Amino acid sequence: ADRKWSGFPEGTIVGHVHLKVADLDKTQE
């Protein structure tokens, strides 16, 4: 760290979304 925090910097993205699902096989398909 450089300890220069001013929030999420330029270039921050939603890298992934993790979901709670009901059926893994249907989700995979």
Full PDB file with SEQRES, HELIX, SHEET, SSBOND, CRYST1, ORIGX, SCALE, CONECT and MASTER records, all heavy atoms in Angstrom:
SEQRES   1 A   29  ALA ASP ARG LYS TRP SER GLY PHE PRO GLU GLY THR ILE          
SEQRES   2 A   29  VAL GLY HIS VAL HIS LEU LYS VAL ALA ASP LEU ASP LYS          
SEQRES   3 A   29  THR GLN GLU                                                  
HELIX    1 AA1 LEU A   24  GLN A   28  1                                   5    
CRYST1    1.000    1.000    1.000  90.00  90.00  90.00 P 1           1          
ORIGX1      1.000000  0.000000  0.000000        0.00000                         
ORIGX2      0.000000  1.000000  0.000000        0.00000                         
ORIGX3      0.000000  0.000000  1.000000        0.00000                         
SCALE1      1.000000  0.000000  0.000000        0.00000                         
SCALE2      0.000000  1.000000  0.000000        0.00000                         
SCALE3      0.000000  0.000000  1.000000        0.00000                         
ATOM      1  N   ALA A   1       0.828  -1.214   0.000  1.00  0.00           N  
ATOM      2  CA  ALA A   1       0.000   0.000   0.000  1.00  0.00           C  
ATOM      3  C   ALA A   1       0.858   1.258   0.000  1.00  0.00           C  
ATOM      4  O   ALA A   1       1.958   1.284   0.571  1.00  0.00           O  
ATOM      5  CB  ALA A   1      -0.913   0.000   1.221  1.00  0.00           C  
ATOM      6  N   ASP A   2       0.353   2.311  -0.634  1.00  0.00           N  
ATOM      7  CA  ASP A   2       1.004   3.617  -0.538  1.00  0.00           C  
ATOM      8  C   ASP A   2       0.246   4.545   0.404  1.00  0.00           C  
ATOM      9  O   ASP A   2       0.605   5.703   0.569  1.00  0.00           O  
ATOM     10  CB  ASP A   2       1.158   4.267  -1.915  1.00  0.00           C  
ATOM     11  CG  ASP A   2      -0.169   4.541  -2.617  1.00  0.00           C  
ATOM     12  OD1 ASP A   2      -1.237   4.424  -1.972  1.00  0.00           O  
ATOM     13  OD2 ASP A   2      -0.144   4.867  -3.818  1.00  0.00           O  
ATOM     14  N   ARG A   3      -0.837   4.010   1.004  1.00  0.00           N  
ATOM     15  CA  ARG A   3      -1.644   4.725   2.001  1.00  0.00           C  
ATOM     16  C   ARG A   3      -2.245   6.018   1.449  1.00  0.00           C  
ATOM     17  O   ARG A   3      -2.442   6.990   2.176  1.00  0.00           O  
ATOM     18  CB  ARG A   3      -0.826   4.981   3.274  1.00  0.00           C  
ATOM     19  CG  ARG A   3      -0.360   3.685   3.924  1.00  0.00           C  
ATOM     20  CD  ARG A   3       0.506   3.901   5.159  1.00  0.00           C  
ATOM     21  NE  ARG A   3       0.988   2.620   5.673  1.00  0.00           N  
ATOM     22  CZ  ARG A   3       0.358   1.890   6.595  1.00  0.00           C  
ATOM     23  NH1 ARG A   3      -0.767   2.330   7.116  1.00  0.00           N  
ATOM     24  NH2 ARG A   3       0.860   0.734   6.987  1.00  0.00           N  
ATOM     25  N   LYS A   4      -2.578   6.001   0.167  1.00  0.00           N  
ATOM     26  CA  LYS A   4      -3.230   7.143  -0.470  1.00  0.00           C  
ATOM     27  C   LYS A   4      -4.642   6.746  -0.882  1.00  0.00           C  
ATOM     28  O   LYS A   4      -5.004   6.768  -2.057  1.00  0.00           O  
ATOM     29  CB  LYS A   4      -2.424   7.620  -1.676  1.00  0.00           C  
ATOM     30  CG  LYS A   4      -1.046   8.168  -1.313  1.00  0.00           C  
ATOM     31  CD  LYS A   4      -0.280   8.620  -2.546  1.00  0.00           C  
ATOM     32  CE  LYS A   4       1.092   9.150  -2.186  1.00  0.00           C  
ATOM     33  NZ  LYS A   4       1.874   9.558  -3.405  1.00  0.00           N  
ATOM     34  N   TRP A   5      -5.433   6.359   0.099  1.00  0.00           N  
ATOM     35  CA  TRP A   5      -6.792   5.900  -0.166  1.00  0.00           C  
ATOM     36  C   TRP A   5      -7.716   7.063  -0.473  1.00  0.00           C  
ATOM     37  O   TRP A   5      -7.793   8.031   0.279  1.00  0.00           O  
ATOM     38  CB  TRP A   5      -7.335   5.134   1.037  1.00  0.00           C  
ATOM     39  CG  TRP A   5      -8.792   4.779   0.944  1.00  0.00           C  
ATOM     40  CD1 TRP A   5      -9.833   5.443   1.517  1.00  0.00           C  
ATOM     41  CD2 TRP A   5      -9.365   3.675   0.236  1.00  0.00           C  
ATOM     42  NE1 TRP A   5     -11.024   4.821   1.214  1.00  0.00           N  
ATOM     43  CE2 TRP A   5     -10.768   3.741   0.425  1.00  0.00           C  
ATOM     44  CE3 TRP A   5      -8.836   2.643  -0.535  1.00  0.00           C  
ATOM     45  CZ2 TRP A   5     -11.634   2.805  -0.129  1.00  0.00           C  
ATOM     46  CZ3 TRP A   5      -9.703   1.718  -1.087  1.00  0.00           C  
ATOM     47  CH2 TRP A   5     -11.085   1.806  -0.873  1.00  0.00           C  
ATOM     48  N   SER A   6      -8.420   6.973  -1.584  1.00  0.00           N  
ATOM     49  CA  SER A   6      -9.481   7.942  -1.877  1.00  0.00           C  
ATOM     50  C   SER A   6     -10.629   7.223  -2.583  1.00  0.00           C  
ATOM     51  O   SER A   6     -11.239   7.748  -3.505  1.00  0.00           O  
ATOM     52  CB  SER A   6      -8.957   9.099  -2.732  1.00  0.00           C  
ATOM     53  OG  SER A   6      -8.332   8.634  -3.909  1.00  0.00           O  
ATOM     54  N   GLY A   7     -10.897   6.005  -2.146  1.00  0.00           N  
ATOM     55  CA  GLY A   7     -11.957   5.211  -2.733  1.00  0.00           C  
ATOM     56  C   GLY A   7     -11.451   4.320  -3.856  1.00  0.00           C  
ATOM     57  O   GLY A   7     -10.267   4.308  -4.180  1.00  0.00           O  
ATOM     58  N   PHE A   8     -12.366   3.549  -4.434  1.00  0.00           N  
ATOM     59  CA  PHE A   8     -11.996   2.653  -5.532  1.00  0.00           C  
ATOM     60  C   PHE A   8     -11.434   3.470  -6.690  1.00  0.00           C  
ATOM     61  O   PHE A   8     -12.089   4.398  -7.180  1.00  0.00           O  
ATOM     62  CB  PHE A   8     -13.204   1.864  -6.018  1.00  0.00           C  
ATOM     63  CG  PHE A   8     -13.629   0.736  -5.101  1.00  0.00           C  
ATOM     64  CD1 PHE A   8     -14.824   0.089  -5.322  1.00  0.00           C  
ATOM     65  CD2 PHE A   8     -12.842   0.316  -4.043  1.00  0.00           C  
ATOM     66  CE1 PHE A   8     -15.229  -0.956  -4.507  1.00  0.00           C  
ATOM     67  CE2 PHE A   8     -13.233  -0.720  -3.216  1.00  0.00           C  
ATOM     68  CZ  PHE A   8     -14.437  -1.363  -3.448  1.00  0.00           C  
ATOM     69  N   PRO A   9     -10.250   3.121  -7.172  1.00  0.00           N  
ATOM     70  CA  PRO A   9      -9.608   3.938  -8.211  1.00  0.00           C  
ATOM     71  C   PRO A   9     -10.187   3.683  -9.592  1.00  0.00           C  
ATOM     72  O   PRO A   9     -10.933   2.711  -9.828  1.00  0.00           O  
ATOM     73  CB  PRO A   9      -8.157   3.466  -8.148  1.00  0.00           C  
ATOM     74  CG  PRO A   9      -8.260   2.026  -7.740  1.00  0.00           C  
ATOM     75  CD  PRO A   9      -9.405   1.989  -6.751  1.00  0.00           C  
ATOM     76  N   GLU A  10      -9.823   4.553 -10.519  1.00  0.00           N  
ATOM     77  CA  GLU A  10     -10.160   4.362 -11.920  1.00  0.00           C  
ATOM     78  C   GLU A  10      -9.683   2.986 -12.361  1.00  0.00           C  
ATOM     79  O   GLU A  10      -8.584   2.559 -12.019  1.00  0.00           O  
ATOM     80  CB  GLU A  10      -9.492   5.453 -12.764  1.00  0.00           C  
ATOM     81  CG  GLU A  10      -9.820   5.395 -14.235  1.00  0.00           C  
ATOM     82  CD  GLU A  10      -9.151   6.512 -15.001  1.00  0.00           C  
ATOM     83  OE1 GLU A  10      -8.544   7.384 -14.365  1.00  0.00           O  
ATOM     84  OE2 GLU A  10      -9.247   6.505 -16.244  1.00  0.00           O  
ATOM     85  N   GLY A  11     -10.513   2.292 -13.110  1.00  0.00           N  
ATOM     86  CA  GLY A  11     -10.154   0.944 -13.552  1.00  0.00           C  
ATOM     87  C   GLY A  11     -10.773  -0.163 -12.727  1.00  0.00           C  
ATOM     88  O   GLY A  11     -10.685  -1.339 -13.090  1.00  0.00           O  
ATOM     89  N   THR A  12     -11.413   0.199 -11.609  1.00  0.00           N  
ATOM     90  CA  THR A  12     -12.131  -0.795 -10.816  1.00  0.00           C  
ATOM     91  C   THR A  12     -13.356  -1.273 -11.602  1.00  0.00           C  
ATOM     92  O   THR A  12     -14.066  -0.469 -12.207  1.00  0.00           O  
ATOM     93  CB  THR A  12     -12.586  -0.200  -9.475  1.00  0.00           C  
ATOM     94  OG1 THR A  12     -11.434   0.204  -8.731  1.00  0.00           O  
ATOM     95  CG2 THR A  12     -13.380  -1.211  -8.661  1.00  0.00           C  
ATOM     96  N   ILE A  13     -13.600  -2.579 -11.593  1.00  0.00           N  
ATOM     97  CA  ILE A  13     -14.756  -3.147 -12.286  1.00  0.00           C  
ATOM     98  C   ILE A  13     -15.439  -4.174 -11.382  1.00  0.00           C  
ATOM     99  O   ILE A  13     -14.895  -4.543 -10.335  1.00  0.00           O  
ATOM    100  CB  ILE A  13     -14.352  -3.830 -13.615  1.00  0.00           C  
ATOM    101  CG1 ILE A  13     -13.386  -4.990 -13.351  1.00  0.00           C  
ATOM    102  CG2 ILE A  13     -13.747  -2.827 -14.582  1.00  0.00           C  
ATOM    103  CD1 ILE A  13     -13.099  -5.847 -14.572  1.00  0.00           C  
ATOM    104  N   VAL A  14     -16.618  -4.616 -11.788  1.00  0.00           N  
ATOM    105  CA  VAL A  14     -17.209  -5.800 -11.170  1.00  0.00           C  
ATOM    106  C   VAL A  14     -16.537  -7.001 -11.842  1.00  0.00           C  
ATOM    107  O   VAL A  14     -16.830  -7.338 -12.989  1.00  0.00           O  
ATOM    108  CB  VAL A  14     -18.737  -5.848 -11.356  1.00  0.00           C  
ATOM    109  CG1 VAL A  14     -19.290  -7.192 -10.875  1.00  0.00           C  
ATOM    110  CG2 VAL A  14     -19.399  -4.712 -10.583  1.00  0.00           C  
ATOM    111  N   GLY A  15     -15.604  -7.610 -11.133  1.00  0.00           N  
ATOM    112  CA  GLY A  15     -14.827  -8.695 -11.711  1.00  0.00           C  
ATOM    113  C   GLY A  15     -15.626  -9.962 -11.881  1.00  0.00           C  
ATOM    114  O   GLY A  15     -15.454 -10.701 -12.859  1.00  0.00           O  
ATOM    115  N   HIS A  16     -16.496 -10.244 -10.918  1.00  0.00           N  
ATOM    116  CA  HIS A  16     -17.389 -11.403 -11.050  1.00  0.00           C  
ATOM    117  C   HIS A  16     -18.585 -11.243 -10.121  1.00  0.00           C  
ATOM    118  O   HIS A  16     -18.598 -10.380  -9.238  1.00  0.00           O  
ATOM    119  CB  HIS A  16     -16.648 -12.725 -10.795  1.00  0.00           C  
ATOM    120  CG  HIS A  16     -16.084 -12.893  -9.414  1.00  0.00           C  
ATOM    121  ND1 HIS A  16     -14.792 -12.545  -9.080  1.00  0.00           N  
ATOM    122  CD2 HIS A  16     -16.625 -13.395  -8.265  1.00  0.00           C  
ATOM    123  CE1 HIS A  16     -14.555 -12.827  -7.814  1.00  0.00           C  
ATOM    124  NE2 HIS A  16     -15.658 -13.346  -7.290  1.00  0.00           N  
ATOM    125  N   VAL A  17     -19.567 -12.084 -10.353  1.00  0.00           N  
ATOM    126  CA  VAL A  17     -20.771 -12.131  -9.536  1.00  0.00           C  
ATOM    127  C   VAL A  17     -20.952 -13.582  -9.095  1.00  0.00           C  
ATOM    128  O   VAL A  17     -20.939 -14.491  -9.930  1.00  0.00           O  
ATOM    129  CB  VAL A  17     -22.007 -11.661 -10.324  1.00  0.00           C  
ATOM    130  CG1 VAL A  17     -23.254 -11.719  -9.448  1.00  0.00           C  
ATOM    131  CG2 VAL A  17     -21.810 -10.248 -10.858  1.00  0.00           C  
ATOM    132  N   HIS A  18     -21.096 -13.784  -7.793  1.00  0.00           N  
ATOM    133  CA  HIS A  18     -21.253 -15.141  -7.250  1.00  0.00           C  
ATOM    134  C   HIS A  18     -22.696 -15.288  -6.784  1.00  0.00           C  
ATOM    135  O   HIS A  18     -23.196 -14.478  -6.009  1.00  0.00           O  
ATOM    136  CB  HIS A  18     -20.274 -15.350  -6.099  1.00  0.00           C  
ATOM    137  CG  HIS A  18     -20.099 -16.791  -5.714  1.00  0.00           C  
ATOM    138  ND1 HIS A  18     -18.908 -17.285  -5.241  1.00  0.00           N  
ATOM    139  CD2 HIS A  18     -20.949 -17.841  -5.726  1.00  0.00           C  
ATOM    140  CE1 HIS A  18     -19.038 -18.578  -4.983  1.00  0.00           C  
ATOM    141  NE2 HIS A  18     -20.288 -18.933  -5.269  1.00  0.00           N  
ATOM    142  N   LEU A  19     -23.365 -16.346  -7.269  1.00  0.00           N  
ATOM    143  CA  LEU A  19     -24.796 -16.519  -7.084  1.00  0.00           C  
ATOM    144  C   LEU A  19     -25.135 -17.707  -6.195  1.00  0.00           C  
ATOM    145  O   LEU A  19     -24.436 -18.722  -6.196  1.00  0.00           O  
ATOM    146  CB  LEU A  19     -25.463 -16.731  -8.456  1.00  0.00           C  
ATOM    147  CG  LEU A  19     -25.229 -15.643  -9.501  1.00  0.00           C  
ATOM    148  CD1 LEU A  19     -25.730 -16.108 -10.861  1.00  0.00           C  
ATOM    149  CD2 LEU A  19     -25.896 -14.328  -9.092  1.00  0.00           C  
ATOM    150  N   LYS A  20     -26.233 -17.567  -5.461  1.00  0.00           N  
ATOM    151  CA  LYS A  20     -26.851 -18.688  -4.755  1.00  0.00           C  
ATOM    152  C   LYS A  20     -27.876 -19.293  -5.699  1.00  0.00           C  
ATOM    153  O   LYS A  20     -28.801 -18.595  -6.132  1.00  0.00           O  
ATOM    154  CB  LYS A  20     -27.534 -18.205  -3.471  1.00  0.00           C  
ATOM    155  CG  LYS A  20     -26.587 -17.558  -2.465  1.00  0.00           C  
ATOM    156  CD  LYS A  20     -27.321 -17.063  -1.232  1.00  0.00           C  
ATOM    157  CE  LYS A  20     -28.211 -15.877  -1.541  1.00  0.00           C  
ATOM    158  NZ  LYS A  20     -28.795 -15.260  -0.326  1.00  0.00           N  
ATOM    159  N   VAL A  21     -27.735 -20.567  -6.025  1.00  0.00           N  
ATOM    160  CA  VAL A  21     -28.612 -21.184  -7.014  1.00  0.00           C  
ATOM    161  C   VAL A  21     -29.355 -22.373  -6.414  1.00  0.00           C  
ATOM    162  O   VAL A  21     -29.027 -22.860  -5.330  1.00  0.00           O  
ATOM    163  CB  VAL A  21     -27.818 -21.612  -8.273  1.00  0.00           C  
ATOM    164  CG1 VAL A  21     -27.092 -20.414  -8.874  1.00  0.00           C  
ATOM    165  CG2 VAL A  21     -26.845 -22.752  -7.964  1.00  0.00           C  
ATOM    166  N   ALA A  22     -30.350 -22.850  -7.168  1.00  0.00           N  
ATOM    167  CA  ALA A  22     -31.176 -23.956  -6.707  1.00  0.00           C  
ATOM    168  C   ALA A  22     -30.716 -25.299  -7.257  1.00  0.00           C  
ATOM    169  O   ALA A  22     -30.871 -26.333  -6.607  1.00  0.00           O  
ATOM    170  CB  ALA A  22     -32.637 -23.715  -7.105  1.00  0.00           C  
ATOM    171  N   ASP A  23     -30.157 -25.286  -8.479  1.00  0.00           N  
ATOM    172  CA  ASP A  23     -29.800 -26.528  -9.164  1.00  0.00           C  
ATOM    173  C   ASP A  23     -28.525 -26.298  -9.971  1.00  0.00           C  
ATOM    174  O   ASP A  23     -28.524 -25.520 -10.930  1.00  0.00           O  
ATOM    175  CB  ASP A  23     -30.957 -26.965 -10.070  1.00  0.00           C  
ATOM    176  CG  ASP A  23     -30.743 -28.314 -10.703  1.00  0.00           C  
ATOM    177  OD1 ASP A  23     -29.724 -28.503 -11.387  1.00  0.00           O  
ATOM    178  OD2 ASP A  23     -31.606 -29.195 -10.519  1.00  0.00           O  
ATOM    179  N   LEU A  24     -27.444 -26.978  -9.606  1.00  0.00           N  
ATOM    180  CA  LEU A  24     -26.161 -26.751 -10.274  1.00  0.00           C  
ATOM    181  C   LEU A  24     -26.145 -27.285 -11.704  1.00  0.00           C  
ATOM    182  O   LEU A  24     -25.536 -26.679 -12.588  1.00  0.00           O  
ATOM    183  CB  LEU A  24     -25.031 -27.392  -9.476  1.00  0.00           C  
ATOM    184  CG  LEU A  24     -24.504 -26.603  -8.273  1.00  0.00           C  
ATOM    185  CD1 LEU A  24     -23.456 -27.422  -7.533  1.00  0.00           C  
ATOM    186  CD2 LEU A  24     -23.908 -25.267  -8.695  1.00  0.00           C  
ATOM    187  N   ASP A  25     -26.800 -28.407 -11.942  1.00  0.00           N  
ATOM    188  CA  ASP A  25     -26.788 -28.968 -13.294  1.00  0.00           C  
ATOM    189  C   ASP A  25     -27.528 -28.061 -14.274  1.00  0.00           C  
ATOM    190  O   ASP A  25     -27.052 -27.812 -15.388  1.00  0.00           O  
ATOM    191  CB  ASP A  25     -27.412 -30.363 -13.290  1.00  0.00           C  
ATOM    192  CG  ASP A  25     -26.542 -31.385 -12.574  1.00  0.00           C  
ATOM    193  OD1 ASP A  25     -25.311 -31.172 -12.511  1.00  0.00           O  
ATOM    194  OD2 ASP A  25     -27.086 -32.380 -12.062  1.00  0.00           O  
ATOM    195  N   LYS A  26     -28.693 -27.560 -13.873  1.00  0.00           N  
ATOM    196  CA  LYS A  26     -29.426 -26.626 -14.733  1.00  0.00           C  
ATOM    197  C   LYS A  26     -28.651 -25.323 -14.907  1.00  0.00           C  
ATOM    198  O   LYS A  26     -28.679 -24.711 -15.988  1.00  0.00           O  
ATOM    199  CB  LYS A  26     -30.813 -26.352 -14.152  1.00  0.00           C  
ATOM    200  CG  LYS A  26     -31.754 -27.536 -14.220  1.00  0.00           C  
ATOM    201  CD  LYS A  26     -33.115 -27.197 -13.614  1.00  0.00           C  
ATOM    202  CE  LYS A  26     -34.060 -28.395 -13.683  1.00  0.00           C  
ATOM    203  NZ  LYS A  26     -35.373 -28.095 -13.052  1.00  0.00           N  
ATOM    204  N   THR A  27     -27.969 -24.898 -13.841  1.00  0.00           N  
ATOM    205  CA  THR A  27     -27.154 -23.687 -13.921  1.00  0.00           C  
ATOM    206  C   THR A  27     -26.016 -23.873 -14.913  1.00  0.00           C  
ATOM    207  O   THR A  27     -25.743 -22.988 -15.738  1.00  0.00           O  
ATOM    208  CB  THR A  27     -26.596 -23.335 -12.530  1.00  0.00           C  
ATOM    209  OG1 THR A  27     -27.692 -23.067 -11.640  1.00  0.00           O  
ATOM    210  CG2 THR A  27     -25.696 -22.113 -12.584  1.00  0.00           C  
ATOM    211  N   GLN A  28     -25.353 -25.026 -14.859  1.00  0.00           N  
ATOM    212  CA  GLN A  28     -24.269 -25.314 -15.804  1.00  0.00           C  
ATOM    213  C   GLN A  28     -24.770 -25.326 -17.239  1.00  0.00           C  
ATOM    214  O   GLN A  28     -24.148 -24.734 -18.130  1.00  0.00           O  
ATOM    215  CB  GLN A  28     -23.624 -26.652 -15.473  1.00  0.00           C  
ATOM    216  CG  GLN A  28     -22.536 -27.062 -16.471  1.00  0.00           C  
ATOM    217  CD  GLN A  28     -21.859 -28.353 -16.091  1.00  0.00           C  
ATOM    218  OE1 GLN A  28     -21.440 -28.539 -14.961  1.00  0.00           O  
ATOM    219  NE2 GLN A  28     -21.753 -29.271 -17.044  1.00  0.00           N  
ATOM    220  N   GLU A  29     -25.894 -25.976 -17.475  1.00  0.00           N  
ATOM    221  CA  GLU A  29     -26.439 -26.027 -18.829  1.00  0.00           C  
ATOM    222  C   GLU A  29     -26.763 -24.627 -19.340  1.00  0.00           C  
ATOM    223  O   GLU A  29     -26.480 -24.295 -20.502  1.00  0.00           O  
ATOM    224  CB  GLU A  29     -27.698 -26.893 -18.846  1.00  0.00           C  
ATOM    225  CG  GLU A  29     -28.328 -27.014 -20.228  1.00  0.00           C  
ATOM    226  CD  GLU A  29     -29.603 -27.842 -20.229  1.00  0.00           C  
ATOM    227  OE1 GLU A  29     -30.096 -28.202 -19.133  1.00  0.00           O  
ATOM    228  OE2 GLU A  29     -30.120 -28.118 -21.330  1.00  0.00           O  
TER     229      GLU A  29                                                      
MASTER        0    0    0    1    0    0    0    6  228    1    0    3          
END                                                                             
